[in-house]
Amino acid sequence: MALFTLGLNYETAPISVREKLAFAQHELGTAVAELVTIHGIGEAAIVSTCNRTELYATVKDETSLLSWLAKSRQLQPEEITPYLYRLPDRDAARHVFRVAAGLDSMVLGETQILGQLKDAVREAQDAGGLGPSLNGLFQKAFSVAKEVRSQTAIGANSVSLAAAAVKLAERLFPDIADLNVLFIGAGEMIELCATHFAGRKPRRMTVANRTLERGQALAAQIGGDTFALSELPNRLAQYDIVVTSTASQLPIIGLGAVERAIKARKHRPIFMVDLAVPRDVEPEVGALPDVYLYTVDDLAEVVRQGRAERQQAVEEADAIIERCTDEFMQWLGNRALVPTIRALKDQAERLRRHELERANKLLAKGEDPAAVLESLSLSLSNKLLHAPLAALNQANSGHHANLIDTVRHLYHLHDEE
């Protein structure tokens, strides 16, 4: 089976497509377990974040991956095919190394993707999706990421999504210190955003979350208050800035709720940042005249600042990745040889034991030891040479030259011999 990656990311597909193919965290284990039951798929893992959905697998035929992905998301293959990349063997390995090192991220050099990749690997491992090939691939990817970050400046001066949200807010409002900020969710992304906004000392910061205890824990870190997500429609009008990132599969902020909030605010603007995939805010909200709605794709230009300054680091990182890709492919190729090497050794051992048993019987009968040894060596050499000689004699003209070269190479034969 061959290594293969099928996926899409923020560069190949808009958020409207990515959210259709996204997997929630709780879906990953079941999805991987289902994948590896499909004929022609050996090992499998799924990486799904706001910026990408990727299937890593060992396969006989890549079409099985495409068919499964489309079916699992209740789509037709032709609906998603234009947005997908297909990466076999070396390209697949190189890609995951770039992902782990932060070179394939919207935020160049960001570290969050490495944690997400490790989470995906744990889910795949628990679901029985990892075997020697994918486990070796991901362990090498983690090693590559560490080497890139320790030997290059790839993460220097990067602008994170959280920092970009603050920058955009400062373009809209004269002073964030005069504003009320609402964070919806309590995951890692919201925690990062809350930390960045807290540095600007807003007048009020609030965390809304389904689990009140988790929301209270984050609110305590930033010096804010909290309320249950169920109260959101009645509380939305109190906030000038809303940052949301939940794992909900459906929007939690609808057009009607925002229209009522704007009316209650007497049309004072609301700045909204939706970092969730699938989106937390209905897209129609962005058309309201007093709402400034940004998604992860809208933040792309801001977070790409500083890429030019880090071009040298990118080149250095790519050089490390190319070398490590060569190393991994050599390891993978050596693994593929193991069954053949083992079978060859087993066959030679069987021949050796058979001839040794025959020789011992002859010696037990009183045969001349010299004659027995001569017979042993002659018989053993004949049996060992039988297969290559038969192959040479039976080869057709089209393969004869290649087979001759192969035999000469294997047995170190030279013209003078």
Protein backbone atom coordinates (compact mmCIF):
# COMPACT_ATOMS: atom_id res chain seq x y z
CA MET A 1 0.00 0.00 0.00
CA ALA A 2 1.14 3.53 -0.78
CA LEU A 3 1.17 6.59 1.47
CA PHE A 4 -1.42 9.16 0.40
CA THR A 5 -2.88 12.48 1.58
CA LEU A 6 -6.22 13.89 0.44
CA GLY A 7 -7.27 17.28 1.73
CA LEU A 8 -8.10 20.93 1.35
CA ASN A 9 -7.03 24.06 3.21
CA TYR A 10 -7.55 27.81 3.40
CA GLU A 11 -5.60 28.30 0.16
CA THR A 12 -7.61 25.80 -1.92
CA ALA A 13 -11.11 26.27 -0.51
CA PRO A 14 -13.16 29.12 0.99
CA ILE A 15 -14.65 28.79 4.44
CA SER A 16 -18.06 27.99 2.94
CA VAL A 17 -16.55 24.76 1.57
CA ARG A 18 -14.21 24.00 4.49
CA GLU A 19 -17.03 24.07 7.00
CA LYS A 20 -18.92 21.42 5.02
CA LEU A 21 -15.93 19.06 5.24
CA ALA A 22 -14.93 19.80 8.83
CA PHE A 23 -14.99 17.07 11.47
CA ALA A 24 -15.82 17.89 15.07
CA GLN A 25 -13.37 16.59 17.65
CA HIS A 26 -15.80 13.95 18.90
CA GLU A 27 -16.27 12.62 15.35
CA LEU A 28 -12.62 11.87 14.60
CA GLY A 29 -12.27 8.53 16.36
CA THR A 30 -15.42 7.06 14.83
CA ALA A 31 -14.47 8.38 11.39
CA VAL A 32 -10.99 6.86 11.51
CA ALA A 33 -12.36 3.53 12.74
CA GLU A 34 -14.76 3.52 9.79
CA LEU A 35 -12.05 4.44 7.30
CA VAL A 36 -9.80 1.50 8.13
CA THR A 37 -12.63 -0.99 7.57
CA ILE A 38 -12.85 0.01 3.90
CA HIS A 39 -11.26 -2.39 1.43
CA GLY A 40 -8.05 -0.91 0.03
CA ILE A 41 -7.33 1.33 3.04
CA GLY A 42 -4.75 0.11 5.55
CA GLU A 43 -3.94 2.90 8.02
CA ALA A 44 -5.72 6.25 8.45
CA ALA A 45 -5.74 9.53 10.38
CA ILE A 46 -7.80 12.71 10.03
CA VAL A 47 -6.66 16.27 10.74
CA SER A 48 -9.49 18.81 10.90
CA THR A 49 -9.02 22.45 11.98
CA CYS A 50 -10.52 25.79 11.01
CA ASN A 51 -8.03 26.01 8.14
CA ARG A 52 -7.85 22.42 6.84
CA THR A 53 -9.34 18.96 6.60
CA GLU A 54 -6.86 16.26 5.59
CA LEU A 55 -6.98 12.48 5.37
CA TYR A 56 -3.67 10.63 5.76
CA ALA A 57 -3.75 6.97 4.78
CA THR A 58 -2.03 4.00 3.24
CA VAL A 59 -4.10 2.94 0.26
CA LYS A 60 -4.24 0.73 -2.79
CA ASP A 61 -6.47 3.21 -4.63
CA GLU A 62 -6.97 6.86 -3.68
CA THR A 63 -10.56 6.91 -5.02
CA SER A 64 -11.70 5.06 -1.90
CA LEU A 65 -10.65 8.08 0.20
CA LEU A 66 -12.51 10.57 -1.98
CA SER A 67 -15.68 8.46 -2.03
CA TRP A 68 -15.64 8.05 1.74
CA LEU A 69 -14.97 11.74 2.44
CA ALA A 70 -17.82 12.90 0.21
CA LYS A 71 -20.24 10.32 1.60
CA SER A 72 -19.33 11.04 5.22
CA ARG A 73 -20.16 14.72 4.74
CA GLN A 74 -23.31 13.95 2.69
CA LEU A 75 -21.87 15.47 -0.47
CA GLN A 76 -21.18 14.28 -4.00
CA PRO A 77 -17.52 13.76 -5.00
CA GLU A 78 -17.81 16.26 -7.85
CA GLU A 79 -18.87 18.96 -5.38
CA ILE A 80 -15.57 18.84 -3.50
CA THR A 81 -13.09 17.58 -6.10
CA PRO A 82 -12.11 21.08 -7.39
CA TYR A 83 -10.94 22.10 -3.93
CA LEU A 84 -8.88 19.02 -3.02
CA TYR A 85 -5.19 18.30 -3.28
CA ARG A 86 -3.94 14.74 -3.79
CA LEU A 87 -0.46 14.01 -2.52
CA PRO A 88 1.15 10.59 -3.01
CA ASP A 89 4.18 9.14 -1.23
CA ARG A 90 6.98 11.74 -0.99
CA ASP A 91 4.62 14.68 -1.55
CA ALA A 92 2.41 13.45 1.29
CA ALA A 93 5.38 13.19 3.66
CA ARG A 94 6.75 16.59 2.70
CA HIS A 95 3.30 18.14 3.17
CA VAL A 96 2.74 16.89 6.72
CA PHE A 97 6.26 18.01 7.67
CA ARG A 98 5.42 21.52 6.41
CA VAL A 99 2.12 21.45 8.29
CA ALA A 100 3.78 20.40 11.55
CA ALA A 101 6.46 23.09 11.20
CA GLY A 102 3.88 25.82 10.61
CA LEU A 103 4.94 26.49 7.01
CA ASP A 104 1.55 25.59 5.58
CA SER A 105 -0.43 27.70 8.05
CA MET A 106 -2.25 30.96 7.50
CA VAL A 107 -0.09 32.28 10.34
CA LEU A 108 3.41 31.41 9.19
CA GLY A 109 5.31 29.57 11.90
CA GLU A 110 2.36 29.31 14.30
CA THR A 111 2.57 26.58 16.92
CA GLN A 112 -1.11 25.78 17.47
CA ILE A 113 -1.23 23.43 14.48
CA LEU A 114 1.39 21.16 16.07
CA GLY A 115 -0.86 20.59 19.07
CA GLN A 116 -3.83 19.97 16.79
CA LEU A 117 -1.79 17.47 14.80
CA LYS A 118 -0.79 15.62 17.97
CA ASP A 119 -4.44 15.51 19.06
CA ALA A 120 -5.40 14.02 15.68
CA VAL A 121 -2.68 11.37 16.00
CA ARG A 122 -3.90 10.40 19.47
CA GLU A 123 -7.46 10.04 18.15
CA ALA A 124 -6.23 7.90 15.26
CA GLN A 125 -4.13 5.76 17.58
CA ASP A 126 -7.05 5.16 19.95
CA ALA A 127 -9.30 4.28 17.01
CA GLY A 128 -6.84 1.71 15.66
CA GLY A 129 -5.97 3.75 12.60
CA LEU A 130 -2.20 3.94 13.02
CA GLY A 131 0.24 1.29 11.87
CA PRO A 132 4.00 1.39 11.30
CA SER A 133 3.85 3.70 8.25
CA LEU A 134 1.64 6.49 9.60
CA ASN A 135 3.06 6.26 13.09
CA GLY A 136 6.54 6.64 11.61
CA LEU A 137 5.34 9.53 9.45
CA PHE A 138 3.85 11.53 12.32
CA GLN A 139 6.69 10.87 14.74
CA LYS A 140 9.08 12.13 12.06
CA ALA A 141 6.82 15.16 11.54
CA PHE A 142 7.04 16.07 15.23
CA SER A 143 10.81 15.72 15.08
CA VAL A 144 10.96 17.92 11.97
CA ALA A 145 8.85 20.61 13.64
CA LYS A 146 11.19 20.69 16.62
CA GLU A 147 14.25 20.96 14.39
CA VAL A 148 12.74 23.74 12.25
CA ARG A 149 11.73 25.80 15.27
CA SER A 150 15.08 25.37 17.01
CA GLN A 151 17.25 26.05 13.96
CA THR A 152 15.32 28.80 12.14
CA ALA A 153 13.48 32.02 12.99
CA ILE A 154 10.27 30.83 11.35
CA GLY A 155 8.11 31.85 14.31
CA ALA A 156 9.68 35.28 14.81
CA ASN A 157 7.44 38.35 14.45
CA SER A 158 4.39 36.30 13.46
CA VAL A 159 0.95 37.87 13.79
CA SER A 160 -1.52 35.38 15.23
CA LEU A 161 -5.24 35.29 14.51
CA ALA A 162 -5.83 36.55 18.03
CA ALA A 163 -3.48 39.50 17.52
CA ALA A 164 -5.04 40.19 14.12
CA ALA A 165 -8.48 40.45 15.72
CA VAL A 166 -7.17 43.12 18.08
CA LYS A 167 -5.51 45.03 15.22
CA LEU A 168 -8.74 45.09 13.23
CA ALA A 169 -10.72 46.25 16.26
CA GLU A 170 -8.27 49.11 16.76
CA ARG A 171 -8.84 50.22 13.17
CA LEU A 172 -12.57 50.48 13.83
CA PHE A 173 -12.65 51.91 17.36
CA PRO A 174 -10.51 54.78 18.68
CA ASP A 175 -9.88 53.13 22.06
CA ILE A 176 -10.67 49.57 23.10
CA ALA A 177 -10.47 50.69 26.74
CA ASP A 178 -13.93 52.26 26.29
CA LEU A 179 -15.54 49.06 25.00
CA ASN A 180 -17.26 45.92 26.22
CA VAL A 181 -15.87 42.67 24.77
CA LEU A 182 -17.70 39.34 24.66
CA PHE A 183 -15.91 36.03 24.11
CA ILE A 184 -18.11 33.10 23.10
CA GLY A 185 -16.56 29.72 23.87
CA ALA A 186 -13.73 28.83 26.23
CA GLY A 187 -11.31 26.84 24.07
CA GLU A 188 -7.70 27.52 23.20
CA MET A 189 -8.46 30.06 20.46
CA ILE A 190 -10.79 32.10 22.66
CA GLU A 191 -8.26 31.99 25.48
CA LEU A 192 -5.59 33.41 23.14
CA CYS A 193 -7.95 36.14 21.93
CA ALA A 194 -9.00 37.01 25.47
CA THR A 195 -5.35 37.34 26.49
CA HIS A 196 -4.62 39.73 23.61
CA PHE A 197 -7.69 41.88 24.24
CA ALA A 198 -6.99 41.93 27.99
CA GLY A 199 -3.70 43.65 27.16
CA ARG A 200 -5.73 46.61 25.84
CA LYS A 201 -7.71 46.81 29.12
CA PRO A 202 -11.30 46.94 27.80
CA ARG A 203 -13.95 48.41 30.07
CA ARG A 204 -15.60 45.01 30.43
CA MET A 205 -14.80 41.45 29.34
CA THR A 206 -17.32 38.62 29.46
CA VAL A 207 -17.14 34.93 28.61
CA ALA A 208 -20.25 33.11 27.39
CA ASN A 209 -20.02 29.34 27.30
CA ARG A 210 -22.28 26.29 27.34
CA THR A 211 -20.47 24.99 30.41
CA LEU A 212 -20.63 27.80 32.94
CA GLU A 213 -17.78 26.42 35.10
CA ARG A 214 -15.34 26.45 32.19
CA GLY A 215 -16.40 29.96 31.25
CA GLN A 216 -15.88 31.12 34.84
CA ALA A 217 -12.36 29.68 34.85
CA LEU A 218 -11.38 31.71 31.78
CA ALA A 219 -13.16 34.82 33.05
CA ALA A 220 -11.16 34.60 36.27
CA GLN A 221 -7.91 34.58 34.29
CA ILE A 222 -8.75 37.81 32.45
CA GLY A 223 -10.62 39.61 35.21
CA GLY A 224 -14.01 39.31 33.54
CA ASP A 225 -17.48 37.97 34.21
CA THR A 226 -19.47 35.19 32.60
CA PHE A 227 -22.93 34.01 31.64
CA ALA A 228 -24.47 30.88 30.16
CA LEU A 229 -24.67 30.70 26.37
CA SER A 230 -28.44 30.35 26.58
CA GLU A 231 -28.60 34.01 27.72
CA LEU A 232 -26.80 35.26 24.58
CA PRO A 233 -29.83 36.63 22.65
CA ASN A 234 -30.78 38.87 25.59
CA ARG A 235 -27.23 40.01 26.34
CA LEU A 236 -25.73 40.54 22.87
CA ALA A 237 -26.68 44.25 22.67
CA GLN A 238 -24.40 45.05 25.64
CA TYR A 239 -21.18 44.34 23.70
CA ASP A 240 -19.22 46.35 21.16
CA ILE A 241 -16.86 43.51 20.23
CA VAL A 242 -17.85 39.85 19.92
CA VAL A 243 -15.26 37.11 19.35
CA THR A 244 -16.61 33.60 18.91
CA SER A 245 -15.03 30.17 18.41
CA THR A 246 -17.08 27.16 19.46
CA ALA A 247 -17.36 23.57 18.24
CA SER A 248 -21.01 23.99 17.32
CA GLN A 249 -22.01 22.39 14.03
CA LEU A 250 -24.70 25.06 13.50
CA PRO A 251 -24.61 28.88 13.82
CA ILE A 252 -25.27 30.11 17.35
CA ILE A 253 -25.70 33.77 16.36
CA GLY A 254 -28.51 34.31 13.88
CA LEU A 255 -29.49 37.30 11.76
CA GLY A 256 -32.59 38.06 13.82
CA ALA A 257 -30.68 38.17 17.11
CA VAL A 258 -28.11 40.60 15.69
CA GLU A 259 -30.80 42.82 14.14
CA ARG A 260 -32.51 43.11 17.54
CA ALA A 261 -29.17 43.86 19.21
CA ILE A 262 -28.34 46.63 16.71
CA LYS A 263 -31.76 48.15 17.24
CA ALA A 264 -31.29 48.10 21.03
CA ARG A 265 -27.86 49.71 20.57
CA LYS A 266 -29.44 52.51 18.51
CA HIS A 267 -27.26 51.41 15.58
CA ARG A 268 -23.93 51.74 17.35
CA PRO A 269 -21.65 49.34 15.43
CA ILE A 270 -20.68 45.85 16.54
CA PHE A 271 -17.35 44.34 15.57
CA MET A 272 -17.65 40.54 15.28
CA VAL A 273 -14.86 38.00 14.72
CA ASP A 274 -15.99 34.46 13.90
CA LEU A 275 -13.04 32.10 14.21
CA ALA A 276 -15.11 28.91 14.12
CA VAL A 277 -15.34 26.34 11.33
CA PRO A 278 -18.21 25.60 10.81
CA ARG A 279 -19.10 29.24 11.37
CA ASP A 280 -20.81 30.42 14.57
CA VAL A 281 -22.38 33.49 12.94
CA GLU A 282 -24.84 33.28 10.06
CA PRO A 283 -23.13 34.77 6.97
CA GLU A 284 -26.10 37.09 6.33
CA VAL A 285 -25.14 39.04 9.46
CA GLY A 286 -22.19 40.50 7.55
CA ALA A 287 -24.56 42.36 5.24
CA LEU A 288 -26.03 44.47 8.07
CA PRO A 289 -24.85 48.10 7.79
CA ASP A 290 -23.83 48.43 11.44
CA VAL A 291 -22.03 45.10 11.77
CA TYR A 292 -18.37 44.48 10.89
CA LEU A 293 -18.09 40.70 10.61
CA TYR A 294 -14.76 38.97 9.96
CA THR A 295 -14.09 35.25 9.51
CA VAL A 296 -10.76 33.41 9.62
CA ASP A 297 -10.41 33.97 5.88
CA ASP A 298 -10.93 37.73 6.27
CA LEU A 299 -8.02 37.87 8.72
CA ALA A 300 -5.63 36.30 6.24
CA GLU A 301 -4.09 39.53 4.98
CA VAL A 302 -3.37 40.80 8.47
CA VAL A 303 -1.71 37.61 9.67
CA ARG A 304 0.49 37.41 6.60
CA GLN A 305 2.35 40.52 7.66
CA GLY A 306 6.01 39.84 8.19
CA ARG A 307 6.25 36.97 5.69
CA ALA A 308 8.69 38.88 3.49
CA GLU A 309 10.99 39.55 6.43
CA ARG A 310 11.04 35.84 7.23
CA GLN A 311 11.70 34.56 3.73
CA GLN A 312 15.21 33.48 4.70
CA ALA A 313 13.78 31.45 7.56
CA VAL A 314 11.30 29.82 5.17
CA GLU A 315 14.10 28.79 2.83
CA GLU A 316 16.10 27.37 5.74
CA ALA A 317 13.06 25.48 7.00
CA ASP A 318 12.32 24.08 3.55
CA ALA A 319 15.89 22.82 3.29
CA ILE A 320 15.47 20.96 6.59
CA ILE A 321 12.16 19.53 5.41
CA GLU A 322 13.60 18.32 2.10
CA ARG A 323 16.40 16.50 3.93
CA CYS A 324 14.01 14.97 6.43
CA THR A 325 11.66 13.92 3.64
CA ASP A 326 14.53 12.06 1.98
CA GLU A 327 15.32 10.37 5.30
CA PHE A 328 11.72 9.31 5.84
CA MET A 329 11.26 7.98 2.31
CA GLN A 330 14.45 5.94 2.69
CA TRP A 331 13.11 4.54 5.97
CA LEU A 332 9.77 3.79 4.34
CA GLY A 333 11.48 2.09 1.41
CA ASN A 334 13.59 -0.02 3.74
CA ARG A 335 10.46 -1.08 5.59
CA ALA A 336 8.95 -2.23 2.28
CA LEU A 337 12.00 -4.46 1.74
CA VAL A 338 11.66 -6.22 5.09
CA PRO A 339 9.18 -8.95 3.98
CA THR A 340 11.29 -9.78 0.92
CA ILE A 341 14.54 -9.88 2.90
CA ARG A 342 12.92 -12.09 5.53
CA ALA A 343 11.52 -14.46 2.88
CA LEU A 344 14.92 -14.65 1.13
CA LYS A 345 16.68 -15.47 4.39
CA ASP A 346 14.05 -18.07 5.30
CA GLN A 347 14.44 -19.77 1.92
CA ALA A 348 18.24 -19.86 2.23
CA GLU A 349 17.94 -21.29 5.74
CA ARG A 350 15.61 -24.05 4.54
CA LEU A 351 18.05 -25.00 1.80
CA ARG A 352 20.98 -24.97 4.24
CA ARG A 353 19.23 -27.18 6.78
CA HIS A 354 18.07 -29.64 4.13
CA GLU A 355 21.59 -30.09 2.75
CA LEU A 356 23.09 -30.26 6.23
CA GLU A 357 20.67 -33.02 7.24
CA ARG A 358 21.51 -34.95 4.08
CA ALA A 359 25.25 -34.59 4.74
CA ASN A 360 24.90 -35.74 8.36
CA LYS A 361 23.05 -38.86 7.22
CA LEU A 362 25.83 -39.67 4.76
CA LEU A 363 28.49 -39.18 7.43
CA ALA A 364 26.51 -41.42 9.79
CA LYS A 365 26.65 -44.15 7.14
CA GLY A 366 30.45 -43.91 7.08
CA GLU A 367 30.81 -41.97 3.81
CA ASP A 368 34.14 -40.23 3.15
CA PRO A 369 33.90 -36.77 4.85
CA ALA A 370 35.74 -35.05 1.99
CA ALA A 371 33.29 -36.47 -0.53
CA VAL A 372 30.33 -35.49 1.66
CA LEU A 373 31.60 -31.90 1.95
CA GLU A 374 32.18 -31.72 -1.78
CA SER A 375 28.65 -32.97 -2.43
CA LEU A 376 27.21 -30.55 0.18
CA SER A 377 28.88 -27.49 -1.31
CA LEU A 378 27.99 -28.45 -4.90
CA SER A 379 24.34 -29.17 -4.09
CA LEU A 380 23.93 -26.02 -2.03
CA SER A 381 25.45 -23.76 -4.68
CA ASN A 382 23.28 -25.37 -7.39
CA LYS A 383 20.10 -24.79 -5.39
CA LEU A 384 21.02 -21.21 -4.53
CA LEU A 385 21.76 -20.44 -8.18
CA HIS A 386 18.75 -22.26 -9.58
CA ALA A 387 16.28 -19.39 -9.30
CA PRO A 388 18.44 -16.62 -10.88
CA LEU A 389 19.69 -18.94 -13.65
CA ALA A 390 16.14 -20.05 -14.45
CA ALA A 391 14.99 -16.43 -14.54
CA LEU A 392 17.79 -15.51 -16.96
CA ASN A 393 17.04 -18.44 -19.24
CA GLN A 394 13.28 -17.83 -19.26
CA ALA A 395 13.27 -14.03 -19.59
CA ASN A 396 11.81 -12.58 -22.76
CA SER A 397 13.84 -10.27 -24.95
CA GLY A 398 12.21 -7.14 -23.57
CA HIS A 399 13.40 -7.81 -20.02
CA HIS A 400 16.61 -9.71 -20.74
CA ALA A 401 18.99 -6.75 -20.60
CA ASN A 402 17.51 -5.37 -17.38
CA LEU A 403 17.60 -8.79 -15.74
CA ILE A 404 21.23 -9.30 -16.73
CA ASP A 405 22.16 -5.93 -15.22
CA THR A 406 20.25 -6.77 -12.04
CA VAL A 407 21.97 -10.16 -11.62
CA ARG A 408 25.40 -8.63 -12.28
CA HIS A 409 24.68 -5.94 -9.70
CA LEU A 410 23.39 -8.39 -7.08
CA TYR A 411 26.30 -10.79 -7.45
CA HIS A 412 28.98 -8.14 -8.08
CA LEU A 413 29.88 -9.62 -11.47
CA HIS A 414 32.32 -7.77 -13.75
CA ASP A 415 33.14 -8.15 -17.43
CA GLU A 416 36.50 -9.76 -16.78
CA GLU A 417 34.73 -12.48 -14.82
